[in-house]
C-alpha atoms as a PDB file:
ATOM      1  CA  LEU A   1     -10.243 -37.254   8.422  1.00  0.00           C
ATOM      2  CA  LEU A   2     -10.183 -35.921   4.930  1.00  0.00           C
ATOM      3  CA  SER A   3     -10.276 -38.087   1.852  1.00  0.00           C
ATOM      4  CA  LEU A   4      -7.364 -38.215  -0.583  1.00  0.00           C
ATOM      5  CA  PRO A   5      -8.936 -35.810  -3.115  1.00  0.00           C
ATOM      6  CA  GLN A   6      -9.697 -33.334  -0.391  1.00  0.00           C
ATOM      7  CA  GLN A   7      -6.133 -33.527   0.877  1.00  0.00           C
ATOM      8  CA  TRP A   8      -4.798 -32.812  -2.607  1.00  0.00           C
ATOM      9  CA  ALA A   9      -7.278 -29.980  -3.056  1.00  0.00           C
ATOM     10  CA  LEU A  10      -6.183 -28.529   0.309  1.00  0.00           C
ATOM     11  CA  LEU A  11      -2.552 -28.880  -0.652  1.00  0.00           C
ATOM     12  CA  ALA A  12      -3.122 -27.172  -4.041  1.00  0.00           C
ATOM     13  CA  LEU A  13      -5.036 -24.304  -2.486  1.00  0.00           C
ATOM     14  CA  SER A  14      -2.456 -23.865   0.248  1.00  0.00           C
ATOM     15  CA  ALA A  15       0.384 -23.818  -2.288  1.00  0.00           C
ATOM     16  CA  GLY A  16      -1.464 -21.295  -4.472  1.00  0.00           C
ATOM     17  CA  SER A  17      -2.296 -19.043  -1.508  1.00  0.00           C
ATOM     18  CA  SER A  18       1.371 -19.227  -0.380  1.00  0.00           C
ATOM     19  CA  LEU A  19       2.532 -18.256  -3.893  1.00  0.00           C
ATOM     20  CA  CYS A  20       0.106 -15.296  -4.071  1.00  0.00           C
ATOM     21  CA  CYS A  21       1.271 -14.149  -0.613  1.00  0.00           C
ATOM     22  CA  LEU A  22       4.922 -14.358  -1.674  1.00  0.00           C
ATOM     23  CA  CYS A  23       4.169 -12.271  -4.842  1.00  0.00           C
ATOM     24  CA  CYS A  24       2.357  -9.631  -2.722  1.00  0.00           C
ATOM     25  CA  LEU A  25       5.257  -9.506  -0.294  1.00  0.00           C
ATOM     26  CA  LEU A  26       7.792  -9.119  -3.143  1.00  0.00           C
ATOM     27  CA  GLY A  27       5.676  -6.290  -4.601  1.00  0.00           C
ATOM     28  CA  LEU A  28       5.448  -4.520  -1.284  1.00  0.00           C
ATOM     29  CA  LEU A  29       9.205  -4.816  -0.678  1.00  0.00           C
ATOM     30  CA  ALA A  30       9.878  -3.481  -4.229  1.00  0.00           C
ATOM     31  CA  ALA A  31       7.534  -0.509  -3.617  1.00  0.00           C
ATOM     32  CA  VAL A  32       9.115   0.330  -0.243  1.00  0.00           C
ATOM     33  CA  GLY A  33      12.618  -0.089  -1.697  1.00  0.00           C
ATOM     34  CA  LEU A  34      11.823   2.241  -4.657  1.00  0.00           C
ATOM     35  CA  THR A  35      10.214   4.779  -2.325  1.00  0.00           C
ATOM     36  CA  LEU A  36      13.225   4.795   0.025  1.00  0.00           C
ATOM     37  CA  GLY A  37      15.627   4.759  -2.940  1.00  0.00           C
ATOM     38  CA  ASN A  38      14.268   8.003  -4.350  1.00  0.00           C
ATOM     39  CA  GLN A  39      13.554   9.493  -0.915  1.00  0.00           C
ATOM     40  CA  GLY A  40       9.808   9.890  -1.593  1.00  0.00           C
ATOM     41  CA  ARG A  41      10.237  12.481  -4.365  1.00  0.00           C
ATOM     42  CA  VAL A  42       8.024  10.416  -6.777  1.00  0.00           C
ATOM     43  CA  LEU A  43       5.154  10.645  -4.302  1.00  0.00           C
ATOM     44  CA  LEU A  44       5.072  14.408  -4.660  1.00  0.00           C
ATOM     45  CA  ALA A  45       5.776  14.432  -8.392  1.00  0.00           C
ATOM     46  CA  PRO A  46       2.054  14.739  -9.415  1.00  0.00           C
ATOM     47  CA  CYS A  47       1.676  17.868  -7.245  1.00  0.00           C
ATOM     48  CA  SER A  48       1.816  20.985  -9.336  1.00  0.00           C
ATOM     49  CA  ILE A  49       4.638  23.291  -8.218  1.00  0.00           C
ATOM     50  CA  ALA A  50       3.005  26.331  -9.912  1.00  0.00           C
ATOM     51  CA  ASN A  51      -0.167  25.781  -7.979  1.00  0.00           C
ATOM     52  CA  ILE A  52       1.434  24.951  -4.602  1.00  0.00           C
ATOM     53  CA  ALA A  53      -1.482  26.529  -2.594  1.00  0.00           C
ATOM     54  CA  LEU A  54      -4.082  24.373  -4.359  1.00  0.00           C
ATOM     55  CA  ALA A  55      -2.004  21.248  -4.803  1.00  0.00           C
ATOM     56  CA  PRO A  56      -2.990  19.441  -1.553  1.00  0.00           C
ATOM     57  CA  VAL A  57      -6.681  19.842  -2.224  1.00  0.00           C
ATOM     58  CA  SER A  58      -6.582  19.186  -5.967  1.00  0.00           C
ATOM     59  CA  ARG A  59      -6.794  15.839  -7.690  1.00  0.00           C
ATOM     60  CA  GLU A  60      -3.259  16.287  -8.976  1.00  0.00           C
ATOM     61  CA  CYS A  61      -1.761  15.739  -5.507  1.00  0.00           C
ATOM     62  CA  PRO A  62      -2.412  12.265  -3.931  1.00  0.00           C
ATOM     63  CA  PHE A  63      -2.138  13.559  -0.394  1.00  0.00           C
ATOM     64  CA  ASP A  64      -1.322  16.595   1.652  1.00  0.00           C
ATOM     65  CA  PRO A  65       2.151  16.224   3.203  1.00  0.00           C
ATOM     66  CA  THR A  66       1.777  19.363   5.284  1.00  0.00           C
ATOM     67  CA  ARG A  67      -1.482  18.370   7.050  1.00  0.00           C
ATOM     68  CA  VAL A  68      -1.422  17.335  10.668  1.00  0.00           C
ATOM     69  CA  TYR A  69      -3.968  14.572  11.199  1.00  0.00           C
ATOM     70  CA  VAL A  70      -5.554  14.650  14.655  1.00  0.00           C
ATOM     71  CA  SER A  71      -8.150  12.198  15.915  1.00  0.00           C
ATOM     72  CA  PRO A  72     -11.177  13.608  17.731  1.00  0.00           C
ATOM     73  CA  PRO A  73     -10.957  13.174  21.521  1.00  0.00           C
ATOM     74  CA  TRP A  74     -13.933  10.764  21.634  1.00  0.00           C
ATOM     75  CA  VAL A  75     -12.218   8.214  19.346  1.00  0.00           C
ATOM     76  CA  GLY A  76      -9.829   6.930  21.993  1.00  0.00           C
ATOM     77  CA  ASP A  77     -12.589   6.437  24.643  1.00  0.00           C
END
């Protein structure tokens, strides 16, 4: 069995961990809500419309929405 100070330390660490987890969950829900609320337009906002051919490979665009990601056949083996 644990001593009384160890029990209190475990309770404090558990409460702190739960609070951090709750904050992360609220942040994630807020991010998903904002993304769905603006229909993802903000994700493509950094992409340059004038340079649409270079946007997916430039640093200005965080990802390439037109790319099809395919795993190599040996990955699933």
